[in-house]
Amino acid sequence: MNFEIREAQRHEGESILSLLPRLASFDIPTWRSPQELWQGDAETLKQWMAGEAPHCHVLVAVADANQIVGTVMLRIGPELLNREPSSHIEVLVVTAEAEGTGVGQALMVAAERVSREHGARTVTLHVFEQNWRARSVYQRLGYSSEIMRFIKVLE
């Protein structure tokens, strides 16, 4: 697949929003609804579209005919523990057709470049334990697990 990575334009927001349900395209925990995995990100993206998220950066992968086939959204801010400048990947998603073509990896590399340009010393992200495909991409790119989040559903 031929594609290029570039900064997203605010008018492309609706096309980017349409990709977000793919964030739930893995075996999600039974106590979660698919919408829970992307609704908060949709709100952040809408803030970015309105120009109300100055620390948020959105990149897109664009294939032939100017079709958006993936996106990464990151937020620059203080790191959780040491408060140094950091970047947090809020969203990384590609279309079904773009899976396995290197689009996700290229988006991550571009996100790291943007993070460095904005003074970030680290990049963090969250990934569900069951999302093996995403975890393998992150591990290939040099990411490692640092903090484990535990949850217990109270009935």
Protein backbone atom coordinates (compact mmCIF):
# COMPACT_ATOMS: atom_id res chain seq x y z
CA MET A 1 0.00 0.00 0.00
CA ASN A 2 1.37 3.43 -0.95
CA PHE A 3 0.72 6.11 1.65
CA GLU A 4 2.11 9.29 3.14
CA ILE A 5 2.02 10.57 6.71
CA ARG A 6 1.09 14.21 7.27
CA GLU A 7 -0.54 16.51 9.79
CA ALA A 8 -4.31 16.21 9.78
CA GLN A 9 -6.48 19.15 8.83
CA ARG A 10 -9.40 20.08 11.07
CA HIS A 11 -11.87 19.64 8.19
CA GLU A 12 -10.80 15.95 8.04
CA GLY A 13 -12.08 15.39 11.57
CA GLU A 14 -15.25 13.56 10.56
CA SER A 15 -13.26 11.07 8.48
CA ILE A 16 -10.92 10.53 11.41
CA LEU A 17 -13.86 10.12 13.81
CA SER A 18 -15.23 7.35 11.57
CA LEU A 19 -12.06 5.31 12.24
CA LEU A 20 -12.36 5.35 16.03
CA PRO A 21 -14.76 2.38 16.40
CA ARG A 22 -11.88 0.23 15.06
CA LEU A 23 -10.22 0.79 18.44
CA ALA A 24 -12.55 -1.96 19.69
CA SER A 25 -11.69 -4.43 16.91
CA PHE A 26 -10.12 -7.03 19.19
CA ASP A 27 -11.43 -9.38 21.87
CA ILE A 28 -12.40 -6.71 24.41
CA PRO A 29 -13.15 -7.59 28.04
CA THR A 30 -16.70 -8.83 28.50
CA TRP A 31 -17.57 -6.10 31.02
CA ARG A 32 -16.71 -3.35 28.52
CA SER A 33 -18.85 -2.00 25.72
CA PRO A 34 -17.03 -1.24 22.46
CA GLN A 35 -18.01 2.44 22.69
CA GLU A 36 -16.15 2.81 25.98
CA LEU A 37 -12.91 2.23 24.10
CA TRP A 38 -13.31 5.23 21.81
CA GLN A 39 -15.94 7.71 23.06
CA GLY A 40 -13.48 9.67 25.21
CA ASP A 41 -11.07 9.86 22.30
CA ALA A 42 -13.90 11.11 20.08
CA GLU A 43 -14.52 13.95 22.54
CA THR A 44 -10.83 14.88 22.53
CA LEU A 45 -10.79 14.80 18.73
CA LYS A 46 -13.84 17.07 18.60
CA GLN A 47 -12.04 19.52 20.90
CA TRP A 48 -9.06 19.43 18.52
CA MET A 49 -11.40 20.02 15.56
CA ALA A 50 -12.77 23.10 17.35
CA GLY A 51 -9.25 24.41 18.06
CA GLU A 52 -9.68 23.81 21.79
CA ALA A 53 -6.90 21.26 22.31
CA PRO A 54 -3.59 23.11 21.85
CA HIS A 55 -1.45 20.27 23.22
CA CYS A 56 -3.09 17.69 20.96
CA HIS A 57 -1.52 16.72 17.63
CA VAL A 58 -3.20 14.58 14.98
CA LEU A 59 -1.43 12.90 12.09
CA VAL A 60 -3.00 10.89 9.28
CA ALA A 61 -1.84 8.26 6.85
CA VAL A 62 -3.23 9.05 3.42
CA ALA A 63 -3.30 6.52 0.58
CA ASP A 64 -4.12 6.92 -3.08
CA ALA A 65 -7.06 9.20 -3.90
CA ASN A 66 -6.43 11.12 -0.64
CA GLN A 67 -8.12 8.40 1.44
CA ILE A 68 -7.32 8.46 5.17
CA VAL A 69 -6.24 4.94 6.13
CA GLY A 70 -4.99 5.61 9.65
CA THR A 71 -4.44 8.19 12.34
CA VAL A 72 -2.46 8.84 15.48
CA MET A 73 -3.46 11.41 18.06
CA LEU A 74 -1.02 12.44 20.76
CA ARG A 75 -1.05 14.89 23.63
CA ILE A 76 2.00 16.69 24.98
CA GLY A 77 2.08 17.23 28.75
CA PRO A 78 3.90 16.34 31.96
CA GLU A 79 4.87 12.70 32.50
CA LEU A 80 2.86 10.93 35.19
CA LEU A 81 5.65 10.31 37.71
CA ASN A 82 8.56 12.70 37.11
CA ARG A 83 6.53 15.51 35.49
CA GLU A 84 9.09 15.92 32.67
CA PRO A 85 7.76 16.79 29.20
CA SER A 86 6.15 13.71 27.70
CA SER A 87 3.87 12.66 24.91
CA HIS A 88 0.93 10.32 25.36
CA ILE A 89 -0.51 8.43 22.40
CA GLU A 90 -4.26 8.78 22.78
CA VAL A 91 -5.20 6.99 19.55
CA LEU A 92 -3.50 4.79 16.99
CA VAL A 93 -5.91 3.24 14.51
CA VAL A 94 -5.80 2.02 10.92
CA THR A 95 -8.47 0.78 8.54
CA ALA A 96 -8.93 -2.97 8.13
CA GLU A 97 -7.38 -2.71 4.66
CA ALA A 98 -4.27 -1.02 6.09
CA GLU A 99 -3.61 -3.62 8.79
CA GLY A 100 -0.27 -5.32 8.33
CA THR A 101 0.96 -2.84 5.70
CA GLY A 102 3.23 -0.74 7.94
CA VAL A 103 0.81 2.16 8.27
CA GLY A 104 0.53 1.87 12.06
CA GLN A 105 4.28 1.62 12.49
CA ALA A 106 4.84 4.66 10.23
CA LEU A 107 2.28 6.64 12.23
CA MET A 108 4.08 5.76 15.47
CA VAL A 109 7.47 6.80 14.06
CA ALA A 110 5.93 10.11 12.94
CA ALA A 111 4.32 10.58 16.39
CA GLU A 112 7.73 10.08 18.00
CA ARG A 113 9.21 12.74 15.69
CA VAL A 114 6.45 15.22 16.60
CA SER A 115 6.96 14.38 20.27
CA ARG A 116 10.69 15.14 20.05
CA GLU A 117 9.99 18.39 18.18
CA HIS A 118 7.79 19.49 21.10
CA GLY A 119 10.39 18.65 23.74
CA ALA A 120 8.98 15.34 24.97
CA ARG A 121 11.52 13.05 26.65
CA THR A 122 9.22 10.01 26.69
CA VAL A 123 6.22 8.61 24.85
CA THR A 124 3.56 6.64 26.72
CA LEU A 125 0.44 4.78 25.65
CA HIS A 126 -2.20 2.42 26.97
CA VAL A 127 -3.04 -0.93 25.42
CA PHE A 128 -5.39 -3.67 26.54
CA GLU A 129 -3.71 -6.91 27.57
CA GLN A 130 -5.85 -8.84 25.05
CA ASN A 131 -4.83 -6.60 22.13
CA TRP A 132 -1.94 -8.82 21.03
CA ARG A 133 -1.60 -7.29 17.57
CA ALA A 134 -1.10 -3.76 18.93
CA ARG A 135 1.20 -4.97 21.69
CA SER A 136 3.45 -6.71 19.19
CA VAL A 137 3.73 -3.52 17.10
CA TYR A 138 4.65 -1.47 20.17
CA GLN A 139 7.22 -4.02 21.32
CA ARG A 140 8.83 -4.11 17.85
CA LEU A 141 9.14 -0.32 18.08
CA GLY A 142 11.00 -0.55 21.40
CA TYR A 143 8.16 0.10 23.85
CA SER A 144 8.07 -1.85 27.10
CA SER A 145 5.54 -2.32 29.85
CA GLU A 146 6.04 -0.16 32.93
CA ILE A 147 2.85 0.03 34.99
CA MET A 148 0.14 -2.61 35.14
CA ARG A 149 -3.43 -1.52 35.78
CA PHE A 150 -5.62 -3.98 37.66
CA ILE A 151 -9.41 -3.87 37.69
CA LYS A 152 -12.14 -5.74 39.52
CA VAL A 153 -15.72 -5.45 38.36
CA LEU A 154 -18.05 -5.07 41.34
CA GLU A 155 -21.45 -6.53 40.76
